[in-house]
Amino acid sequence: MKASGKNVIVAVVSALTISLTASPAYAAGSSSSVLPATLASVTQGLDVTSIKTTAMSIDSFEIVIDGVSTTSVNDAGHHFDVAATIEAAVSEVGSTRPTGWNQPGECIMSAQRWIRAGGGTWNGSGNPVSNYAGAAKIDIDDVTAGDVIQYQYASAPTAWATGVHTVLVVGTNADGTLTIVESNNPGGSGLVGLQQNWKPAPPSGFEAVGWRF
């Protein structure tokens, strides 16, 4: 994947990197609605594996794009407040919600919630394609902060096949990797997690599609 010309530095604090490979502690059907002041306060029950030098709390969360304001991101094609969407997503990292059809812990329902938190119009529904009615389909190499990546079954894109997954891009890195926030990984957990240096790796038979609202 090629690096975006506008590399986004997402400052997500507490100087902690969460390992998403850890098995989360959660109860089926339970939810955590407390929005933490810093990322450090949402690591309870998760495996904190490394320390990273960062400087900002979520209370003062912002994204910096080549020294310019996030308004430039919106002008580039997003029709909502990208910074507000990212803040909403990052503030949920470490929390869990119920999963199941149309439940808030599902990956696509969480992405919808975050886009709408920034004033985005996400009114599509039904399947992994019709959900994006009104959004622009973009090349996966061109995704940037505020875009959504959807794994869809290549031979039947509208099917809710096992392997369908949705993530929100919250930053791009100089090496072409992405920083993403996702929900329900591992499947059934309803856990919201953050991954840095992420690249789309859809399961066999699936493809990654970029969408911009």
Protein backbone atom coordinates (compact mmCIF):
# COMPACT_ATOMS: atom_id res chain seq x y z
CA MET A 1 0.00 0.00 0.00
CA LYS A 2 1.40 3.37 -0.90
CA ALA A 3 1.81 6.06 1.72
CA SER A 4 -0.64 8.93 1.69
CA GLY A 5 0.77 12.33 0.76
CA LYS A 6 -0.80 13.67 3.93
CA ASN A 7 0.43 11.45 6.71
CA VAL A 8 -1.80 11.72 9.72
CA ILE A 9 -0.27 11.67 13.16
CA VAL A 10 -2.85 10.49 15.65
CA ALA A 11 -1.83 11.29 19.21
CA VAL A 12 -3.51 8.68 21.40
CA VAL A 13 -2.05 8.89 24.77
CA SER A 14 -1.16 7.45 27.96
CA ALA A 15 1.98 6.25 26.31
CA LEU A 16 0.59 2.75 26.09
CA THR A 17 0.08 0.37 23.18
CA ILE A 18 -2.69 -2.18 23.61
CA SER A 19 -2.13 -5.72 22.40
CA LEU A 20 -5.28 -6.80 20.57
CA THR A 21 -4.16 -10.41 20.67
CA ALA A 22 -5.11 -10.65 24.33
CA SER A 23 -8.33 -12.37 25.28
CA PRO A 24 -10.61 -9.64 26.62
CA ALA A 25 -12.42 -9.88 29.89
CA TYR A 26 -16.10 -9.35 29.13
CA ALA A 27 -19.50 -10.78 29.87
CA ALA A 28 -21.84 -11.56 27.02
CA GLY A 29 -24.51 -8.93 26.80
CA SER A 30 -22.67 -6.51 29.06
CA SER A 31 -21.47 -3.09 28.04
CA SER A 32 -19.13 -0.43 29.31
CA SER A 33 -20.41 3.04 28.62
CA VAL A 34 -17.81 4.96 30.60
CA LEU A 35 -15.66 7.07 28.28
CA PRO A 36 -12.12 7.19 29.72
CA ALA A 37 -10.16 10.40 30.21
CA THR A 38 -6.98 8.74 28.98
CA LEU A 39 -6.16 5.55 27.12
CA ALA A 40 -4.39 4.29 30.23
CA SER A 41 -7.69 4.04 32.07
CA VAL A 42 -9.22 1.67 29.54
CA THR A 43 -6.51 -0.99 29.66
CA GLN A 44 -8.01 -2.93 32.57
CA GLY A 45 -8.39 -6.52 31.50
CA LEU A 46 -6.15 -6.05 28.46
CA ASP A 47 -2.53 -6.98 27.92
CA VAL A 48 -0.41 -3.84 27.83
CA THR A 49 2.70 -5.03 26.03
CA SER A 50 4.77 -1.98 25.23
CA ILE A 51 5.36 1.64 26.08
CA LYS A 52 5.23 4.24 23.35
CA THR A 53 6.17 7.90 23.67
CA THR A 54 3.07 9.98 23.14
CA ALA A 55 1.91 13.11 24.83
CA MET A 56 -1.79 13.74 24.71
CA SER A 57 -4.82 12.68 26.67
CA ILE A 58 -8.05 11.93 24.89
CA ASP A 59 -9.46 15.03 26.56
CA SER A 60 -7.25 17.08 24.26
CA PHE A 61 -7.21 14.64 21.34
CA GLU A 62 -6.47 16.05 17.93
CA ILE A 63 -5.04 15.03 14.60
CA VAL A 64 -2.32 16.95 12.83
CA ILE A 65 -1.97 16.67 9.08
CA ASP A 66 1.25 18.14 7.77
CA GLY A 67 0.79 21.05 10.14
CA VAL A 68 -2.66 22.01 8.86
CA SER A 69 -6.09 21.77 10.43
CA THR A 70 -8.48 18.88 9.98
CA THR A 71 -10.70 21.17 7.90
CA SER A 72 -8.39 20.40 5.01
CA VAL A 73 -9.23 16.70 5.40
CA ASN A 74 -12.92 17.43 5.16
CA ASP A 75 -12.33 19.62 2.11
CA ALA A 76 -10.52 16.68 0.51
CA GLY A 77 -13.75 14.73 0.28
CA HIS A 78 -15.17 13.96 3.71
CA HIS A 79 -18.57 15.45 4.49
CA PHE A 80 -18.32 15.36 8.27
CA ASP A 81 -16.01 16.37 11.11
CA VAL A 82 -13.24 13.78 10.85
CA ALA A 83 -11.57 14.84 14.12
CA ALA A 84 -14.84 14.42 16.07
CA THR A 85 -15.37 10.97 14.55
CA ILE A 86 -11.86 9.86 15.47
CA GLU A 87 -12.19 11.23 18.99
CA ALA A 88 -15.45 9.31 19.45
CA ALA A 89 -13.84 6.08 18.24
CA VAL A 90 -10.66 6.41 20.31
CA SER A 91 -12.64 7.30 23.43
CA GLU A 92 -14.29 3.86 23.27
CA VAL A 93 -11.05 1.86 23.05
CA GLY A 94 -11.07 -0.87 25.68
CA SER A 95 -14.85 -0.86 26.20
CA THR A 96 -17.25 -3.67 25.25
CA ARG A 97 -20.83 -3.74 23.99
CA PRO A 98 -23.38 -6.46 23.20
CA THR A 99 -23.04 -8.25 19.88
CA GLY A 100 -25.58 -9.83 17.56
CA TRP A 101 -27.75 -8.52 14.75
CA ASN A 102 -27.90 -4.70 14.91
CA GLN A 103 -26.25 -4.66 18.34
CA PRO A 104 -23.87 -1.79 19.22
CA GLY A 105 -20.85 -4.04 19.68
CA GLU A 106 -20.86 -5.20 16.06
CA CYS A 107 -18.07 -3.79 13.89
CA ILE A 108 -20.27 -2.06 11.34
CA MET A 109 -22.66 -0.67 13.95
CA SER A 110 -19.69 0.82 15.80
CA ALA A 111 -18.28 2.39 12.64
CA GLN A 112 -21.70 3.92 11.97
CA ARG A 113 -21.83 5.31 15.50
CA TRP A 114 -18.41 6.96 15.13
CA ILE A 115 -19.11 8.45 11.70
CA ARG A 116 -22.43 9.83 12.95
CA ALA A 117 -20.67 11.30 16.02
CA GLY A 118 -18.83 13.54 13.56
CA GLY A 119 -22.05 14.54 11.81
CA GLY A 120 -21.68 12.04 8.97
CA THR A 121 -24.75 10.81 7.11
CA TRP A 122 -24.67 7.01 7.23
CA ASN A 123 -28.20 5.89 6.47
CA GLY A 124 -27.53 2.76 4.43
CA SER A 125 -28.46 -0.65 5.81
CA GLY A 126 -29.16 -4.21 4.83
CA ASN A 127 -25.92 -5.78 3.61
CA PRO A 128 -22.18 -5.02 3.28
CA VAL A 129 -22.80 -3.11 0.06
CA SER A 130 -26.15 -1.35 0.56
CA ASN A 131 -24.87 -0.14 3.94
CA TYR A 132 -22.72 2.32 2.01
CA ALA A 133 -25.49 3.99 0.03
CA GLY A 134 -24.44 7.62 -0.39
CA ALA A 135 -20.75 6.95 0.32
CA ALA A 136 -18.00 7.13 -2.30
CA LYS A 137 -16.13 3.92 -3.07
CA ILE A 138 -12.39 4.64 -3.09
CA ASP A 139 -9.25 2.75 -4.00
CA ILE A 140 -7.87 0.93 -0.99
CA ASP A 141 -4.49 2.61 -1.57
CA ASP A 142 -6.11 6.04 -1.23
CA VAL A 143 -7.82 5.62 2.14
CA THR A 144 -7.04 8.20 4.79
CA ALA A 145 -8.24 9.20 8.26
CA GLY A 146 -12.05 9.14 8.42
CA ASP A 147 -12.47 6.44 5.78
CA VAL A 148 -14.01 3.03 6.40
CA ILE A 149 -12.58 -0.27 5.15
CA GLN A 150 -15.02 -3.12 4.62
CA TYR A 151 -14.05 -6.76 4.10
CA GLN A 152 -16.60 -8.27 1.74
CA TYR A 153 -16.99 -11.71 0.23
CA ALA A 154 -15.68 -11.34 -3.31
CA SER A 155 -18.03 -13.82 -5.00
CA ALA A 156 -21.11 -12.59 -3.11
CA PRO A 157 -20.43 -9.03 -1.83
CA THR A 158 -23.89 -8.63 -0.31
CA ALA A 159 -23.61 -11.74 1.87
CA TRP A 160 -22.96 -11.54 5.59
CA ALA A 161 -20.41 -14.33 5.29
CA THR A 162 -18.05 -15.23 8.12
CA GLY A 163 -15.06 -12.97 7.54
CA VAL A 164 -17.00 -9.77 6.84
CA HIS A 165 -15.45 -7.02 8.97
CA THR A 166 -15.48 -3.22 9.22
CA VAL A 167 -12.78 -0.87 10.51
CA LEU A 168 -12.39 2.91 10.80
CA VAL A 169 -9.13 4.44 9.61
CA VAL A 170 -7.89 7.00 12.14
CA GLY A 171 -4.43 7.63 10.74
CA THR A 172 -1.98 6.87 7.94
CA ASN A 173 1.71 6.15 8.46
CA ALA A 174 4.75 7.04 6.38
CA ASP A 175 5.40 3.36 5.59
CA GLY A 176 1.96 2.98 4.03
CA THR A 177 0.40 1.21 7.00
CA LEU A 178 -2.68 2.48 8.80
CA THR A 179 -3.87 3.13 12.34
CA ILE A 180 -7.39 1.80 12.80
CA VAL A 181 -10.09 1.48 15.43
CA GLU A 182 -12.38 -1.53 15.20
CA SER A 183 -15.02 -3.30 17.25
CA ASN A 184 -15.78 -6.97 17.86
CA ASN A 185 -12.29 -8.31 17.41
CA PRO A 186 -12.05 -11.09 18.54
CA GLY A 187 -15.47 -11.97 17.10
CA GLY A 188 -18.22 -12.08 19.70
CA SER A 189 -16.31 -9.93 22.20
CA GLY A 190 -17.83 -6.56 21.34
CA LEU A 191 -14.42 -5.14 22.25
CA VAL A 192 -13.26 -1.83 20.76
CA GLY A 193 -9.56 -1.90 19.96
CA LEU A 194 -6.89 0.21 18.29
CA GLN A 195 -4.23 -1.17 15.95
CA GLN A 196 -1.21 0.68 14.65
CA ASN A 197 0.86 -0.33 11.61
CA TRP A 198 -2.17 -2.18 10.26
CA LYS A 199 -2.61 -3.38 6.68
CA PRO A 200 -5.77 -4.86 5.18
CA ALA A 201 -5.48 -8.65 5.27
CA PRO A 202 -8.90 -10.02 4.32
CA PRO A 203 -9.48 -13.76 4.67
CA SER A 204 -9.21 -15.97 1.62
CA GLY A 205 -12.05 -15.23 -0.79
CA PHE A 206 -12.61 -11.74 0.65
CA GLU A 207 -11.56 -8.30 -0.56
CA ALA A 208 -10.96 -4.99 1.21
CA VAL A 209 -13.04 -2.05 -0.05
CA GLY A 210 -12.59 1.60 0.96
CA TRP A 211 -15.57 3.90 1.56
CA ARG A 212 -15.72 7.64 2.22
CA PHE A 213 -18.71 9.53 3.64
